[in-house]
Amino acid sequence: MRLIGAGFGRTGTTSLKAALAQLGFAPCYHMQEVFKHPSHARTWLAAADGAPVDWPAFLGGYAATLDYPASNFYQELLAAFPHARVLLSVRDPDRWYESTLETIYGAARLPRWLEHIPPLHLFIEMQRRVIWDGTFQGRF
């Protein structure tokens, strides 16, 4: 791990991921990785509950992290990868909020019946914790 992204989702992280790949920081762990590897959601949820995570084993194959959920754990990641640089991506707060309402908040409001479709239920649980119950919010 050479670079740890500490910025929230919706701060240009997808574009930043593409730029980092061109600069040799690939592969990059981004929220997209949770969609590709649904079982990862269990690790993130456990971390949010305070369970210890072997970060080098879990993320050691990645050169960088960006976006949720890794950004919520940038301090733990920096402790596990002390030589990594930390990058904070930012965005105008009003534009960030509007973008988040249209995307991330919308995903947390999916119908409950979708929770029974693996692995979608794990993603929905992560989103609910980020937005509604505060499990992840204390991590910001």
C-alpha atoms as a PDB file:
ATOM      1  CA  MET A   1       0.000   0.000   0.000  1.00  0.00           C
ATOM      2  CA  ARG A   2       1.587   3.238  -1.153  1.00  0.00           C
ATOM      3  CA  LEU A   3      -1.311   5.708  -1.046  1.00  0.00           C
ATOM      4  CA  ILE A   4      -4.333   5.947   1.263  1.00  0.00           C
ATOM      5  CA  GLY A   5      -7.291   8.066   0.191  1.00  0.00           C
ATOM      6  CA  ALA A   6      -8.934   9.879   3.094  1.00  0.00           C
ATOM      7  CA  GLY A   7     -11.551  11.780   1.067  1.00  0.00           C
ATOM      8  CA  PHE A   8     -15.257  11.034   1.090  1.00  0.00           C
ATOM      9  CA  GLY A   9     -16.975   9.330  -1.796  1.00  0.00           C
ATOM     10  CA  ARG A  10     -18.320  11.726  -4.431  1.00  0.00           C
ATOM     11  CA  THR A  11     -15.117  13.819  -4.359  1.00  0.00           C
ATOM     12  CA  GLY A  12     -13.859  12.687  -7.752  1.00  0.00           C
ATOM     13  CA  THR A  13     -12.546   9.353  -6.567  1.00  0.00           C
ATOM     14  CA  THR A  14     -13.391   7.464  -9.757  1.00  0.00           C
ATOM     15  CA  SER A  15     -11.459   9.969 -11.876  1.00  0.00           C
ATOM     16  CA  LEU A  16      -8.672   9.981  -9.319  1.00  0.00           C
ATOM     17  CA  LYS A  17      -8.533   6.176  -9.485  1.00  0.00           C
ATOM     18  CA  ALA A  18      -7.994   6.354 -13.258  1.00  0.00           C
ATOM     19  CA  ALA A  19      -5.285   8.994 -12.840  1.00  0.00           C
ATOM     20  CA  LEU A  20      -3.529   6.984 -10.137  1.00  0.00           C
ATOM     21  CA  ALA A  21      -3.510   3.922 -12.386  1.00  0.00           C
ATOM     22  CA  GLN A  22      -1.674   5.940 -15.041  1.00  0.00           C
ATOM     23  CA  LEU A  23       0.843   6.989 -12.393  1.00  0.00           C
ATOM     24  CA  GLY A  24       1.508   3.412 -11.322  1.00  0.00           C
ATOM     25  CA  PHE A  25      -0.776   3.219  -8.261  1.00  0.00           C
ATOM     26  CA  ALA A  26      -2.753   0.200  -9.415  1.00  0.00           C
ATOM     27  CA  PRO A  27      -4.585  -1.740  -8.379  1.00  0.00           C
ATOM     28  CA  CYS A  28      -6.574   0.724  -6.311  1.00  0.00           C
ATOM     29  CA  TYR A  29      -9.182  -0.323  -3.738  1.00  0.00           C
ATOM     30  CA  HIS A  30     -12.318   1.729  -4.399  1.00  0.00           C
ATOM     31  CA  MET A  31     -15.966   1.096  -3.529  1.00  0.00           C
ATOM     32  CA  GLN A  32     -16.139  -0.623  -6.911  1.00  0.00           C
ATOM     33  CA  GLU A  33     -14.043  -3.422  -5.374  1.00  0.00           C
ATOM     34  CA  VAL A  34     -16.827  -4.211  -2.917  1.00  0.00           C
ATOM     35  CA  PHE A  35     -19.146  -4.779  -5.877  1.00  0.00           C
ATOM     36  CA  LYS A  36     -16.545  -7.041  -7.494  1.00  0.00           C
ATOM     37  CA  HIS A  37     -15.824  -8.893  -4.227  1.00  0.00           C
ATOM     38  CA  PRO A  38     -19.071  -8.866  -2.195  1.00  0.00           C
ATOM     39  CA  SER A  39     -17.526 -10.914   0.600  1.00  0.00           C
ATOM     40  CA  HIS A  40     -15.353  -7.871   1.413  1.00  0.00           C
ATOM     41  CA  ALA A  41     -18.429  -6.172   2.849  1.00  0.00           C
ATOM     42  CA  ARG A  42     -18.276  -8.547   5.827  1.00  0.00           C
ATOM     43  CA  THR A  43     -14.755  -7.351   6.644  1.00  0.00           C
ATOM     44  CA  TRP A  44     -15.758  -3.690   6.441  1.00  0.00           C
ATOM     45  CA  LEU A  45     -18.834  -4.244   8.592  1.00  0.00           C
ATOM     46  CA  ALA A  46     -16.754  -6.127  11.160  1.00  0.00           C
ATOM     47  CA  ALA A  47     -14.203  -3.291  11.187  1.00  0.00           C
ATOM     48  CA  ALA A  48     -17.006  -0.793  11.755  1.00  0.00           C
ATOM     49  CA  ASP A  49     -18.094  -2.894  14.734  1.00  0.00           C
ATOM     50  CA  GLY A  50     -14.576  -2.668  16.155  1.00  0.00           C
ATOM     51  CA  ALA A  51     -13.304  -6.114  15.196  1.00  0.00           C
ATOM     52  CA  PRO A  52      -9.582  -6.306  14.451  1.00  0.00           C
ATOM     53  CA  VAL A  53      -8.679  -6.537  10.769  1.00  0.00           C
ATOM     54  CA  ASP A  54      -5.434  -7.815   9.319  1.00  0.00           C
ATOM     55  CA  TRP A  55      -5.146  -4.883   6.906  1.00  0.00           C
ATOM     56  CA  PRO A  56      -1.946  -6.097   5.182  1.00  0.00           C
ATOM     57  CA  ALA A  57      -3.592  -9.453   4.458  1.00  0.00           C
ATOM     58  CA  PHE A  58      -6.861  -7.865   3.354  1.00  0.00           C
ATOM     59  CA  LEU A  59      -5.490  -4.978   1.262  1.00  0.00           C
ATOM     60  CA  GLY A  60      -1.848  -5.882   0.769  1.00  0.00           C
ATOM     61  CA  GLY A  61      -2.325  -6.577  -2.930  1.00  0.00           C
ATOM     62  CA  TYR A  62      -3.457  -3.011  -3.584  1.00  0.00           C
ATOM     63  CA  ALA A  63      -1.200  -0.038  -4.261  1.00  0.00           C
ATOM     64  CA  ALA A  64      -3.801   2.524  -3.164  1.00  0.00           C
ATOM     65  CA  THR A  65      -7.218   3.044  -1.600  1.00  0.00           C
ATOM     66  CA  LEU A  66      -9.867   5.638  -2.390  1.00  0.00           C
ATOM     67  CA  ASP A  67     -13.529   6.217  -1.586  1.00  0.00           C
ATOM     68  CA  TYR A  68     -15.767   4.385   0.860  1.00  0.00           C
ATOM     69  CA  PRO A  69     -15.323   2.268   2.832  1.00  0.00           C
ATOM     70  CA  ALA A  70     -11.523   2.501   3.026  1.00  0.00           C
ATOM     71  CA  SER A  71     -11.566   6.272   3.532  1.00  0.00           C
ATOM     72  CA  ASN A  72     -13.448   5.722   6.772  1.00  0.00           C
ATOM     73  CA  PHE A  73     -10.466   3.747   8.078  1.00  0.00           C
ATOM     74  CA  TYR A  74      -7.596   5.899   6.857  1.00  0.00           C
ATOM     75  CA  GLN A  75      -6.059   6.114  10.346  1.00  0.00           C
ATOM     76  CA  GLU A  76      -6.029   2.345  10.794  1.00  0.00           C
ATOM     77  CA  LEU A  77      -4.658   1.904   7.287  1.00  0.00           C
ATOM     78  CA  LEU A  78      -1.889   4.408   7.940  1.00  0.00           C
ATOM     79  CA  ALA A  79      -0.964   2.507  11.107  1.00  0.00           C
ATOM     80  CA  ALA A  80      -0.840  -0.729   9.101  1.00  0.00           C
ATOM     81  CA  PHE A  81       1.021   0.868   6.180  1.00  0.00           C
ATOM     82  CA  PRO A  82       3.143   3.591   7.844  1.00  0.00           C
ATOM     83  CA  HIS A  83       5.115   4.447   4.702  1.00  0.00           C
ATOM     84  CA  ALA A  84       1.993   5.199   2.668  1.00  0.00           C
ATOM     85  CA  ARG A  85       1.077   8.741   1.731  1.00  0.00           C
ATOM     86  CA  VAL A  86      -2.385  10.082   2.615  1.00  0.00           C
ATOM     87  CA  LEU A  87      -4.373  11.920  -0.046  1.00  0.00           C
ATOM     88  CA  LEU A  88      -7.416  13.984   0.917  1.00  0.00           C
ATOM     89  CA  SER A  89      -9.755  14.633  -1.994  1.00  0.00           C
ATOM     90  CA  VAL A  90     -12.279  17.430  -1.455  1.00  0.00           C
ATOM     91  CA  ARG A  91     -15.225  19.016  -3.237  1.00  0.00           C
ATOM     92  CA  ASP A  92     -17.424  22.056  -2.785  1.00  0.00           C
ATOM     93  CA  PRO A  93     -19.682  21.047   0.143  1.00  0.00           C
ATOM     94  CA  ASP A  94     -22.957  22.044  -1.512  1.00  0.00           C
ATOM     95  CA  ARG A  95     -22.141  20.193  -4.741  1.00  0.00           C
ATOM     96  CA  TRP A  96     -20.924  17.198  -2.744  1.00  0.00           C
ATOM     97  CA  TYR A  97     -24.182  17.066  -0.771  1.00  0.00           C
ATOM     98  CA  GLU A  98     -26.344  17.241  -3.914  1.00  0.00           C
ATOM     99  CA  SER A  99     -24.310  14.506  -5.576  1.00  0.00           C
ATOM    100  CA  THR A 100     -24.457  12.338  -2.468  1.00  0.00           C
ATOM    101  CA  LEU A 101     -28.232  12.748  -2.200  1.00  0.00           C
ATOM    102  CA  GLU A 102     -28.625  11.539  -5.782  1.00  0.00           C
ATOM    103  CA  THR A 103     -26.333   8.524  -5.451  1.00  0.00           C
ATOM    104  CA  ILE A 104     -25.207   7.194  -2.073  1.00  0.00           C
ATOM    105  CA  TYR A 105     -28.302   8.197  -0.108  1.00  0.00           C
ATOM    106  CA  GLY A 106     -30.502   6.737  -2.827  1.00  0.00           C
ATOM    107  CA  ALA A 107     -28.759   3.364  -2.550  1.00  0.00           C
ATOM    108  CA  ALA A 108     -29.488   3.265   1.184  1.00  0.00           C
ATOM    109  CA  ARG A 109     -33.197   3.690   0.498  1.00  0.00           C
ATOM    110  CA  LEU A 110     -33.554   0.618  -1.688  1.00  0.00           C
ATOM    111  CA  PRO A 111     -36.612  -1.520  -0.914  1.00  0.00           C
ATOM    112  CA  ARG A 112     -36.200  -3.968   1.950  1.00  0.00           C
ATOM    113  CA  TRP A 113     -37.017  -6.963  -0.233  1.00  0.00           C
ATOM    114  CA  LEU A 114     -33.753  -6.374  -2.100  1.00  0.00           C
ATOM    115  CA  GLU A 115     -31.858  -7.116   1.110  1.00  0.00           C
ATOM    116  CA  HIS A 116     -32.446 -10.807   0.531  1.00  0.00           C
ATOM    117  CA  ILE A 117     -30.498 -10.826  -2.740  1.00  0.00           C
ATOM    118  CA  PRO A 118     -26.914 -11.780  -1.983  1.00  0.00           C
ATOM    119  CA  PRO A 119     -24.572  -9.921  -2.075  1.00  0.00           C
ATOM    120  CA  LEU A 120     -26.714  -6.808  -2.373  1.00  0.00           C
ATOM    121  CA  HIS A 121     -27.857  -7.085   1.245  1.00  0.00           C
ATOM    122  CA  LEU A 122     -24.263  -6.571   2.468  1.00  0.00           C
ATOM    123  CA  PHE A 123     -23.861  -3.429   0.389  1.00  0.00           C
ATOM    124  CA  ILE A 124     -27.202  -2.088   1.624  1.00  0.00           C
ATOM    125  CA  GLU A 125     -26.144  -2.745   5.218  1.00  0.00           C
ATOM    126  CA  MET A 126     -22.891  -0.850   4.649  1.00  0.00           C
ATOM    127  CA  GLN A 127     -24.766   2.104   3.150  1.00  0.00           C
ATOM    128  CA  ARG A 128     -27.297   2.181   5.986  1.00  0.00           C
ATOM    129  CA  ARG A 129     -24.490   2.244   8.520  1.00  0.00           C
ATOM    130  CA  VAL A 130     -22.694   5.030   6.677  1.00  0.00           C
ATOM    131  CA  ILE A 131     -25.786   7.195   6.417  1.00  0.00           C
ATOM    132  CA  TRP A 132     -28.385   6.290   8.988  1.00  0.00           C
ATOM    133  CA  ASP A 133     -27.167   4.584  12.115  1.00  0.00           C
ATOM    134  CA  GLY A 134     -23.825   6.309  12.559  1.00  0.00           C
ATOM    135  CA  THR A 135     -21.664   3.184  12.802  1.00  0.00           C
ATOM    136  CA  PHE A 136     -19.381   4.529  10.100  1.00  0.00           C
ATOM    137  CA  GLN A 137     -20.097   8.208  10.784  1.00  0.00           C
ATOM    138  CA  GLY A 138     -17.906   8.230  13.856  1.00  0.00           C
ATOM    139  CA  ARG A 139     -15.089   7.208  11.556  1.00  0.00           C
ATOM    140  CA  PHE A 140     -15.088  10.535   9.673  1.00  0.00           C
END
